[in-house]
N, C-alpha and C. Protein backbone atom coordinates (compact mmCIF):
# COMPACT_ATOMS: atom_id res chain seq x y z
N LEU A 1 22.18 19.33 201.78
CA LEU A 1 21.58 20.20 200.67
C LEU A 1 21.78 19.28 199.47
N LEU A 2 20.63 19.24 198.62
CA LEU A 2 20.75 18.44 197.30
C LEU A 2 20.59 19.30 196.24
N PRO A 3 21.22 19.20 195.08
CA PRO A 3 21.28 19.89 193.90
C PRO A 3 19.71 19.57 193.43
N ARG A 4 18.98 20.65 192.79
CA ARG A 4 17.78 20.33 192.19
C ARG A 4 17.97 19.90 190.76
N LEU A 5 17.06 19.11 190.25
CA LEU A 5 17.14 18.63 188.89
C LEU A 5 16.44 19.89 188.01
N ALA A 6 17.28 19.91 186.87
CA ALA A 6 16.93 20.88 185.86
C ALA A 6 15.82 19.99 185.06
N ALA A 7 14.61 20.90 184.90
CA ALA A 7 13.47 20.42 183.83
C ALA A 7 13.88 20.64 182.48
N ALA A 8 13.92 19.46 181.69
CA ALA A 8 14.14 19.59 180.30
C ALA A 8 13.38 20.76 179.58
N GLN A 9 13.84 21.58 178.54
CA GLN A 9 13.26 22.49 178.07
C GLN A 9 12.90 22.02 176.72
N ALA A 10 11.79 21.91 176.08
CA ALA A 10 11.51 21.59 174.74
C ALA A 10 11.57 22.74 173.92
N ILE A 11 12.23 22.24 172.64
CA ILE A 11 12.56 23.34 171.80
C ILE A 11 11.85 23.11 170.58
N TYR A 12 11.06 21.86 170.19
CA TYR A 12 10.59 21.63 169.27
C TYR A 12 9.10 21.18 169.39
N GLY A 13 8.08 21.64 168.34
CA GLY A 13 6.76 21.11 168.43
C GLY A 13 6.66 19.81 167.73
N THR A 14 5.40 19.41 167.30
CA THR A 14 4.75 18.30 166.65
C THR A 14 3.47 18.74 165.93
N VAL A 15 3.32 18.35 164.54
CA VAL A 15 2.08 18.43 164.00
C VAL A 15 1.62 17.11 163.71
N THR A 16 0.37 16.78 163.69
CA THR A 16 -0.28 15.55 163.49
C THR A 16 -1.67 15.69 163.19
N GLY A 17 -2.23 14.87 162.45
CA GLY A 17 -3.67 14.96 162.14
C GLY A 17 -4.08 13.53 161.10
N GLN A 18 -4.99 13.60 160.60
CA GLN A 18 -5.55 12.59 159.72
C GLN A 18 -5.99 13.23 158.24
N VAL A 19 -5.41 12.47 157.26
CA VAL A 19 -6.00 12.79 156.17
C VAL A 19 -7.01 11.80 155.50
N ALA A 20 -8.20 12.69 155.29
CA ALA A 20 -9.68 11.80 154.74
C ALA A 20 -10.06 12.43 153.52
N ASP A 21 -11.01 11.58 152.74
CA ASP A 21 -11.57 12.16 151.62
C ASP A 21 -13.08 12.86 152.05
N ASP A 22 -13.75 13.15 151.22
CA ASP A 22 -15.04 13.80 151.27
C ASP A 22 -15.88 12.93 152.15
N SER A 23 -15.92 11.85 152.12
CA SER A 23 -16.95 10.73 152.82
C SER A 23 -16.45 10.78 154.25
N GLY A 24 -15.03 11.10 154.62
CA GLY A 24 -14.61 10.99 155.95
C GLY A 24 -13.82 9.59 156.12
N ALA A 25 -13.65 9.00 154.78
CA ALA A 25 -12.77 7.90 154.88
C ALA A 25 -11.21 8.15 154.85
N ALA A 26 -10.55 7.29 155.79
CA ALA A 26 -9.09 7.51 155.63
C ALA A 26 -8.31 7.56 154.50
N VAL A 27 -7.26 8.35 154.07
CA VAL A 27 -6.74 8.12 152.91
C VAL A 27 -5.17 7.88 153.29
N PRO A 28 -4.98 6.67 153.08
CA PRO A 28 -3.34 6.16 153.50
C PRO A 28 -2.46 6.56 152.24
N GLY A 29 -1.05 6.84 152.56
CA GLY A 29 -0.13 7.17 151.47
C GLY A 29 -0.19 8.49 150.81
N ALA A 30 -1.11 9.32 151.65
CA ALA A 30 -0.90 10.73 151.18
C ALA A 30 0.47 11.38 151.47
N SER A 31 0.78 12.32 150.49
CA SER A 31 2.29 12.93 151.02
C SER A 31 1.84 14.31 151.69
N VAL A 32 2.36 14.42 152.70
CA VAL A 32 2.02 15.61 153.55
C VAL A 32 3.46 16.55 153.73
N SER A 33 3.40 17.72 153.47
CA SER A 33 4.51 18.56 153.59
C SER A 33 4.38 19.67 154.50
N LEU A 34 5.26 20.00 155.23
CA LEU A 34 5.03 21.10 156.26
C LEU A 34 6.11 22.19 156.06
N ILE A 35 5.83 23.37 155.52
CA ILE A 35 6.82 24.43 154.92
C ILE A 35 6.83 25.59 156.14
N ASN A 36 8.02 26.03 156.70
CA ASN A 36 8.11 27.13 157.50
C ASN A 36 7.93 28.29 156.66
N GLU A 37 7.08 29.18 157.03
CA GLU A 37 6.76 30.36 156.36
C GLU A 37 7.77 31.49 156.22
N ALA A 38 8.53 31.29 157.45
CA ALA A 38 9.38 32.20 157.57
C ALA A 38 10.80 32.18 156.83
N THR A 39 11.19 30.58 157.15
CA THR A 39 12.52 30.02 156.40
C THR A 39 12.68 29.50 155.34
N GLY A 40 11.48 28.68 154.81
CA GLY A 40 11.20 27.64 153.74
C GLY A 40 11.73 26.52 154.23
N LEU A 41 12.10 26.14 155.35
CA LEU A 41 12.51 24.78 155.84
C LEU A 41 11.25 23.84 155.52
N ARG A 42 11.57 22.92 154.95
CA ARG A 42 10.26 21.66 154.57
C ARG A 42 10.64 20.68 155.34
N LEU A 43 9.61 20.03 155.89
CA LEU A 43 9.43 18.71 156.45
C LEU A 43 8.33 17.86 155.81
N GLU A 44 8.52 16.49 155.63
CA GLU A 44 7.66 15.74 154.93
C GLU A 44 7.33 14.56 155.78
N GLY A 45 6.15 14.01 155.42
CA GLY A 45 5.69 12.56 155.92
C GLY A 45 4.48 12.10 155.15
N VAL A 46 4.31 10.90 155.53
CA VAL A 46 3.11 10.30 154.56
C VAL A 46 2.19 9.55 155.72
N SER A 47 0.93 9.70 155.24
CA SER A 47 0.03 9.06 156.03
C SER A 47 0.01 7.74 156.15
N ASP A 48 -0.50 7.04 157.24
CA ASP A 48 -0.51 5.70 157.35
C ASP A 48 -1.74 4.95 157.01
N GLU A 49 -1.71 3.76 157.15
CA GLU A 49 -3.12 2.91 156.72
C GLU A 49 -4.25 3.30 157.47
N ASN A 50 -4.18 4.38 158.39
CA ASN A 50 -5.46 4.89 158.98
C ASN A 50 -5.56 6.49 158.62
N GLY A 51 -4.74 6.83 157.87
CA GLY A 51 -4.86 8.09 157.27
C GLY A 51 -4.14 9.25 158.17
N THR A 52 -3.31 8.65 159.21
CA THR A 52 -2.73 9.25 160.17
C THR A 52 -1.37 9.83 160.07
N TYR A 53 -1.00 10.92 160.16
CA TYR A 53 0.41 11.34 159.90
C TYR A 53 0.93 12.14 161.25
N THR A 54 2.27 12.33 161.45
CA THR A 54 2.73 12.93 162.59
C THR A 54 4.08 13.40 161.93
N ILE A 55 4.45 14.77 162.16
CA ILE A 55 5.89 15.33 162.03
C ILE A 55 6.19 15.77 163.04
N ARG A 56 7.48 15.36 163.58
CA ARG A 56 8.08 15.66 164.85
C ARG A 56 9.34 16.68 164.58
N ASN A 57 9.82 17.23 165.87
CA ASN A 57 11.02 17.95 165.60
C ASN A 57 10.90 19.23 164.56
N VAL A 58 9.57 19.93 164.91
CA VAL A 58 9.14 21.03 164.10
C VAL A 58 9.89 22.25 164.95
N THR A 59 10.59 23.23 164.59
CA THR A 59 10.96 24.39 165.34
C THR A 59 9.70 25.20 165.13
N ALA A 60 9.86 26.34 166.12
CA ALA A 60 8.71 27.02 166.30
C ALA A 60 8.47 28.13 165.20
N GLY A 61 7.39 28.40 164.81
CA GLY A 61 6.99 29.35 163.96
C GLY A 61 5.63 29.13 163.10
N PRO A 62 5.48 30.07 162.24
CA PRO A 62 4.15 29.78 161.41
C PRO A 62 4.28 28.90 160.00
N TYR A 63 3.71 27.86 159.88
CA TYR A 63 3.92 26.77 158.82
C TYR A 63 2.56 26.66 157.81
N THR A 64 2.99 26.24 156.73
CA THR A 64 2.00 25.75 155.73
C THR A 64 2.12 24.37 155.41
N LEU A 65 0.72 23.59 155.54
CA LEU A 65 0.77 22.38 155.43
C LEU A 65 -0.15 22.01 154.15
N ARG A 66 0.71 21.26 153.34
CA ARG A 66 0.06 20.60 152.09
C ARG A 66 -0.12 19.06 152.06
N ALA A 67 -1.11 18.55 151.72
CA ALA A 67 -1.26 17.24 151.75
C ALA A 67 -1.93 16.84 150.32
N SER A 68 -1.22 15.68 149.51
CA SER A 68 -1.58 15.43 148.31
C SER A 68 -1.76 13.90 148.00
N LEU A 69 -2.43 13.42 147.12
CA LEU A 69 -2.31 12.25 146.53
C LEU A 69 -2.82 12.15 145.34
N GLN A 70 -2.50 11.21 144.35
CA GLN A 70 -2.97 11.33 142.71
C GLN A 70 -4.22 11.02 142.97
N GLY A 71 -5.00 11.86 142.12
CA GLY A 71 -6.56 11.63 142.01
C GLY A 71 -7.47 12.26 143.12
N PHE A 72 -6.46 13.30 143.77
CA PHE A 72 -7.26 14.21 144.53
C PHE A 72 -6.70 15.69 144.31
N LYS A 73 -7.68 16.65 144.87
CA LYS A 73 -7.14 17.90 144.82
C LYS A 73 -6.11 18.19 146.04
N GLU A 74 -5.04 19.04 145.73
CA GLU A 74 -4.18 19.25 146.94
C GLU A 74 -4.78 20.17 147.96
N PHE A 75 -4.70 19.61 149.05
CA PHE A 75 -5.12 20.32 150.33
C PHE A 75 -3.88 21.39 150.82
N VAL A 76 -4.32 22.55 151.25
CA VAL A 76 -3.19 23.48 151.52
C VAL A 76 -3.87 24.29 152.82
N GLN A 77 -3.33 24.44 154.01
CA GLN A 77 -3.55 25.07 155.05
C GLN A 77 -2.45 25.93 155.58
N THR A 78 -2.75 27.53 155.63
CA THR A 78 -1.52 28.36 155.92
C THR A 78 -1.77 28.92 157.33
N GLY A 79 -0.46 29.57 157.90
CA GLY A 79 -0.79 30.05 159.17
C GLY A 79 -0.90 29.02 160.46
N ILE A 80 -0.18 28.08 160.33
CA ILE A 80 -0.20 26.99 161.40
C ILE A 80 0.64 27.51 162.40
N PRO A 81 0.33 27.96 163.65
CA PRO A 81 1.36 28.26 164.63
C PRO A 81 1.98 27.20 165.43
N VAL A 82 3.11 26.81 165.27
CA VAL A 82 4.00 25.68 165.99
C VAL A 82 4.61 26.39 167.14
N THR A 83 4.47 25.88 168.45
CA THR A 83 5.25 26.27 169.65
C THR A 83 6.15 25.34 170.33
N PRO A 84 7.32 25.56 170.84
CA PRO A 84 8.12 24.57 171.44
C PRO A 84 7.26 23.58 172.53
N GLY A 85 7.32 22.54 172.44
CA GLY A 85 6.50 21.74 173.25
C GLY A 85 5.30 21.46 172.80
N GLY A 86 4.86 22.17 172.01
CA GLY A 86 3.24 21.98 171.55
C GLY A 86 2.97 20.98 170.59
N ILE A 87 1.74 20.67 170.62
CA ILE A 87 1.30 19.43 169.72
C ILE A 87 -0.07 20.22 168.81
N VAL A 88 0.10 20.27 167.44
CA VAL A 88 -0.76 20.90 166.68
C VAL A 88 -1.42 20.03 166.03
N ARG A 89 -2.99 19.66 165.83
CA ARG A 89 -3.62 19.03 165.11
C ARG A 89 -4.27 19.75 163.93
N VAL A 90 -3.90 19.01 162.85
CA VAL A 90 -4.55 19.71 161.49
C VAL A 90 -5.02 18.36 160.70
N ASN A 91 -6.30 18.34 160.62
CA ASN A 91 -7.00 17.33 159.59
C ASN A 91 -6.85 17.91 158.24
N ALA A 92 -6.64 17.08 157.19
CA ALA A 92 -6.78 17.51 155.94
C ALA A 92 -7.89 16.72 155.23
N SER A 93 -8.78 17.34 154.47
CA SER A 93 -9.61 16.76 153.49
C SER A 93 -9.51 16.67 152.34
N LEU A 94 -9.26 15.59 151.71
CA LEU A 94 -8.88 15.69 150.17
C LEU A 94 -10.23 15.48 149.24
N GLU A 95 -10.44 16.48 148.37
CA GLU A 95 -11.47 16.21 147.32
C GLU A 95 -11.05 15.47 146.21
N VAL A 96 -11.83 14.89 145.34
CA VAL A 96 -11.71 14.13 144.42
C VAL A 96 -11.54 15.25 143.21
N GLY A 97 -10.32 15.00 142.46
CA GLY A 97 -10.12 16.04 141.52
C GLY A 97 -8.74 15.97 141.03
N ALA A 98 -8.09 16.51 139.88
CA ALA A 98 -6.74 16.64 139.52
C ALA A 98 -5.96 17.53 140.52
N LEU A 99 -4.68 16.88 140.61
CA LEU A 99 -3.60 17.52 141.55
C LEU A 99 -3.32 19.03 141.06
N THR A 100 -3.49 19.35 139.72
CA THR A 100 -3.68 20.94 139.70
C THR A 100 -4.37 21.81 140.00
N GLU A 101 -5.47 21.36 140.78
CA GLU A 101 -6.46 21.99 141.59
C GLU A 101 -5.99 21.91 143.16
N SER A 102 -6.49 22.84 143.79
CA SER A 102 -6.09 22.86 145.25
C SER A 102 -7.25 23.61 146.11
N VAL A 103 -7.39 23.13 147.38
CA VAL A 103 -8.21 23.88 148.35
C VAL A 103 -7.36 24.64 149.36
N THR A 104 -7.42 25.61 149.57
CA THR A 104 -6.69 26.51 150.65
C THR A 104 -7.40 26.74 151.77
N VAL A 105 -6.88 26.65 153.01
CA VAL A 105 -7.56 27.02 154.31
C VAL A 105 -6.54 27.95 154.92
N THR A 106 -6.99 29.05 155.39
CA THR A 106 -6.27 30.03 156.00
C THR A 106 -6.54 30.06 157.25
N THR A 107 -5.31 30.06 158.19
CA THR A 107 -5.41 29.94 159.82
C THR A 107 -5.05 31.22 160.52
N GLU A 108 -5.74 31.80 161.12
CA GLU A 108 -5.42 33.34 161.68
C GLU A 108 -4.83 32.94 162.98
N ALA A 109 -3.77 33.74 163.23
CA ALA A 109 -3.18 33.63 164.70
C ALA A 109 -3.98 33.94 165.69
N ALA A 110 -4.07 33.14 166.87
CA ALA A 110 -4.82 33.47 167.99
C ALA A 110 -4.21 34.57 168.96
N LEU A 111 -4.78 35.33 169.17
CA LEU A 111 -4.39 36.59 170.21
C LEU A 111 -4.28 36.33 171.62
N LEU A 112 -3.00 36.42 172.13
CA LEU A 112 -2.95 36.08 173.45
C LEU A 112 -3.08 37.27 174.37
N LYS A 113 -3.80 37.20 175.72
CA LYS A 113 -3.68 38.33 176.56
C LYS A 113 -2.84 38.26 177.51
C-alpha cells in the first residue's frame, strides 16, 4: 500500500490583461488597481512595455479594476468575479482626456446551473 499524494488546493486567483489606447496601441506604464468590493483590499500593478499587466495572489470575491495614466481618462470596470485557481482577463481601453474623467464598465455575474 502506498499513500496517495494530495493535490494542492488553489486559494488565489489571477487578474491579467492589456492596457491599450483608442487606436489599440499598447499603453506602457499605466497604473492598474484591483479593489475587492467586499473588503476594500487594494492590489496594484503597472503595465509593462507591451501594455500587459498581471496581478497575482488575488483572494476570491468581486473586484473593481481601475487603470489610469496621465493624459488619459480613467478606466473603471466593476463586478469582476475572481475565483480560487481562476485566471480572469480584463483588457482596459484608455481614452485621451483628463484624469478627472472616467469610463465605467459594469460586469454582471454569470449564473451557474
